[in-house]
Amino acid sequence: MTAFAWRPMTAADLPAVSAIAAEVHPDFPEDDAVFAERRRLFPSGCRVLAAGGRLAAYVVSHPWEAGSCPPLNALLGRLPEPASTYYIHDIALLPAARGTGAAGEIVGALKAEALGQGLADISLVAVNGSAGFWRRMGFAETSSPALAAKLASYGADARYMVCQAA
């Protein structure tokens, strides 16, 4: 069995991150500039799962505004100050990394990151039928009329979900 380990994302990882994104989330394409900007704006929220010198997963996360989600494939310019939630923008695992516990491990690390930033909760938009996974990680769906239009851009099954970091 291959040993996987999460580490900080580097600029050199960006082509592999884009390739993983294209494979795992083909219906939600994002420009390389989006990944590069998120990494620049909040490097500690951008990590990759490596095994044998190859990447098998990535996560992009950052402080954000509660009850909101950034539009897909859009540059942010800056992060909100003060932030009111820790947002998981994207997590993608190649098939080889699934079922290894790597997703649960990084969610735990992101909860610690949120608390370290003074943020009590984590939010995300679940897509591709992933709401069940996120429920198992402690997330619950919340709805807001203000989010309806943005969620529609993520697909019909998109769910805004929130979890307490502690």
Protein backbone atom coordinates (compact mmCIF):
# COMPACT_ATOMS: atom_id res chain seq x y z
CA MET A 1 0.00 0.00 0.00
CA THR A 2 1.30 3.44 -0.91
CA ALA A 3 1.92 5.84 1.96
CA PHE A 4 0.18 9.16 1.46
CA ALA A 5 1.10 12.37 3.27
CA TRP A 6 -0.42 15.85 3.17
CA ARG A 7 2.00 18.73 2.68
CA PRO A 8 1.82 22.42 1.75
CA MET A 9 1.05 23.13 -1.90
CA THR A 10 3.90 24.75 -3.83
CA ALA A 11 3.87 26.71 -7.07
CA ALA A 12 5.48 23.68 -8.74
CA ASP A 13 2.40 21.61 -7.78
CA LEU A 14 -0.06 23.81 -9.68
CA PRO A 15 0.04 21.90 -13.02
CA ALA A 16 -0.68 18.62 -11.19
CA VAL A 17 -3.43 20.30 -9.13
CA SER A 18 -5.06 21.51 -12.35
CA ALA A 19 -4.82 18.02 -13.83
CA ILE A 20 -6.44 16.46 -10.74
CA ALA A 21 -9.19 19.11 -10.82
CA ALA A 22 -9.91 18.38 -14.49
CA GLU A 23 -10.18 14.66 -13.77
CA VAL A 24 -12.19 14.82 -10.54
CA HIS A 25 -14.36 17.90 -11.25
CA PRO A 26 -14.75 18.04 -15.05
CA ASP A 27 -18.09 19.87 -14.74
CA PHE A 28 -16.54 22.63 -12.58
CA PRO A 29 -13.50 23.87 -14.51
CA GLU A 30 -11.34 26.53 -12.91
CA ASP A 31 -8.44 28.39 -14.47
CA ASP A 32 -4.93 27.79 -13.18
CA ALA A 33 -4.96 31.43 -12.02
CA VAL A 34 -7.70 30.60 -9.48
CA PHE A 35 -5.56 27.93 -7.80
CA ALA A 36 -2.49 30.17 -7.91
CA GLU A 37 -4.36 33.10 -6.38
CA ARG A 38 -5.88 31.02 -3.55
CA ARG A 39 -2.42 29.68 -2.76
CA ARG A 40 -0.99 33.21 -2.76
CA LEU A 41 -3.82 34.61 -0.62
CA PHE A 42 -3.84 31.83 1.98
CA PRO A 43 -0.97 29.36 1.58
CA SER A 44 -1.69 27.43 4.79
CA GLY A 45 -5.11 26.46 3.40
CA CYS A 46 -3.67 24.92 0.22
CA ARG A 47 -2.25 21.44 0.58
CA VAL A 48 -1.56 18.41 -1.56
CA LEU A 49 -1.52 14.70 -0.86
CA ALA A 50 1.69 13.16 -2.12
CA ALA A 51 2.76 9.57 -2.53
CA GLY A 52 5.95 8.42 -4.18
CA GLY A 53 6.62 11.85 -5.66
CA ARG A 54 3.19 12.05 -7.31
CA LEU A 55 0.13 13.97 -6.21
CA ALA A 56 -3.07 12.09 -5.44
CA ALA A 57 -5.22 14.91 -4.02
CA TYR A 58 -5.40 18.56 -3.12
CA VAL A 59 -7.41 20.91 -0.94
CA VAL A 60 -7.92 24.66 -1.34
CA SER A 61 -9.41 26.52 1.63
CA HIS A 62 -9.39 29.97 3.17
CA PRO A 63 -11.19 32.36 5.51
CA TRP A 64 -14.43 33.73 4.04
CA GLU A 65 -17.81 35.29 4.78
CA ALA A 66 -20.40 33.10 6.51
CA GLY A 67 -23.51 32.39 4.47
CA SER A 68 -21.68 33.04 1.22
CA CYS A 69 -19.64 31.13 -1.33
CA PRO A 70 -17.21 32.50 -3.89
CA PRO A 71 -18.33 32.18 -7.50
CA LEU A 72 -16.73 29.37 -9.48
CA ASN A 73 -13.69 30.14 -11.59
CA ALA A 74 -13.35 33.67 -10.22
CA LEU A 75 -10.43 35.53 -8.74
CA LEU A 76 -11.06 36.98 -5.30
CA GLY A 77 -8.54 39.82 -5.24
CA ARG A 78 -8.35 39.60 -1.46
CA LEU A 79 -9.84 37.72 1.46
CA PRO A 80 -12.47 39.39 3.65
CA GLU A 81 -11.36 41.05 6.86
CA PRO A 82 -12.69 40.14 9.23
CA ALA A 83 -13.68 36.71 8.00
CA SER A 84 -16.58 34.91 9.65
CA THR A 85 -16.13 31.30 8.44
CA TYR A 86 -13.40 29.02 7.17
CA TYR A 87 -14.33 27.97 3.63
CA ILE A 88 -13.31 24.76 1.87
CA HIS A 89 -13.24 25.88 -1.74
CA ASP A 90 -12.27 22.52 -3.20
CA ILE A 91 -11.06 19.09 -2.26
CA ALA A 92 -10.30 16.51 -4.90
CA LEU A 93 -8.93 13.01 -4.49
CA LEU A 94 -7.89 10.71 -7.29
CA PRO A 95 -9.28 7.15 -7.01
CA ALA A 96 -6.00 5.85 -5.54
CA ALA A 97 -6.40 8.16 -2.53
CA ARG A 98 -10.04 7.40 -1.83
CA GLY A 99 -10.77 5.10 1.08
CA THR A 100 -7.36 5.72 2.65
CA GLY A 101 -8.57 8.07 5.37
CA ALA A 102 -6.80 10.99 3.71
CA ALA A 103 -10.00 13.02 3.32
CA GLY A 104 -10.91 12.68 6.99
CA GLU A 105 -7.35 13.52 7.95
CA ILE A 106 -7.34 16.78 5.99
CA VAL A 107 -10.79 17.77 7.25
CA GLY A 108 -9.42 17.41 10.80
CA ALA A 109 -6.42 19.53 9.88
CA LEU A 110 -8.70 22.19 8.34
CA LYS A 111 -10.79 22.30 11.51
CA ALA A 112 -7.60 23.00 13.46
CA GLU A 113 -6.65 25.67 10.90
CA ALA A 114 -10.07 27.31 11.30
CA LEU A 115 -9.73 27.42 15.07
CA GLY A 116 -6.21 28.80 14.70
CA GLN A 117 -7.68 31.62 12.61
CA GLY A 118 -10.27 32.31 15.31
CA LEU A 119 -13.12 30.95 13.18
CA ALA A 120 -15.71 28.77 14.89
CA ASP A 121 -17.12 27.07 11.80
CA ILE A 122 -16.25 25.71 8.39
CA SER A 123 -18.45 26.05 5.33
CA LEU A 124 -18.43 24.58 1.83
CA VAL A 125 -20.56 23.77 -1.17
CA ALA A 126 -21.01 20.02 -1.61
CA VAL A 127 -21.24 18.94 -5.26
CA ASN A 128 -21.30 15.71 -7.25
CA GLY A 129 -23.39 13.90 -4.66
CA SER A 130 -20.79 14.44 -1.92
CA ALA A 131 -23.24 15.73 0.73
CA GLY A 132 -23.31 12.29 2.40
CA PHE A 133 -19.53 12.32 2.85
CA TRP A 134 -19.68 15.82 4.34
CA ARG A 135 -22.49 14.79 6.71
CA ARG A 136 -20.24 11.99 7.98
CA MET A 137 -17.57 14.65 8.59
CA GLY A 138 -20.01 16.61 10.79
CA PHE A 139 -21.41 19.08 8.25
CA ALA A 140 -25.09 19.96 7.99
CA GLU A 141 -26.98 21.59 5.15
CA THR A 142 -28.18 25.14 5.58
CA SER A 143 -30.31 27.06 3.14
CA SER A 144 -30.52 30.72 2.36
CA PRO A 145 -32.51 32.50 -0.32
CA ALA A 146 -29.51 34.80 -0.80
CA LEU A 147 -27.37 31.80 -1.80
CA ALA A 148 -29.81 30.26 -4.26
CA ALA A 149 -28.43 31.94 -7.39
CA LYS A 150 -24.80 31.21 -6.54
CA LEU A 151 -25.59 27.59 -5.64
CA ALA A 152 -27.35 27.12 -8.97
CA SER A 153 -24.03 27.76 -10.73
CA TYR A 154 -22.61 24.75 -8.84
CA GLY A 155 -25.29 22.37 -10.17
CA ALA A 156 -28.70 21.09 -9.16
CA ASP A 157 -27.38 18.90 -6.32
CA ALA A 158 -25.21 21.64 -4.76
CA ARG A 159 -25.67 22.02 -1.00
CA TYR A 160 -24.25 24.75 1.24
CA MET A 161 -23.03 23.01 4.39
CA VAL A 162 -21.56 24.13 7.70
CA CYS A 163 -19.72 22.38 10.51
CA GLN A 164 -18.45 23.58 13.87
CA ALA A 165 -14.65 23.60 13.89
CA ALA A 166 -14.37 22.43 17.49
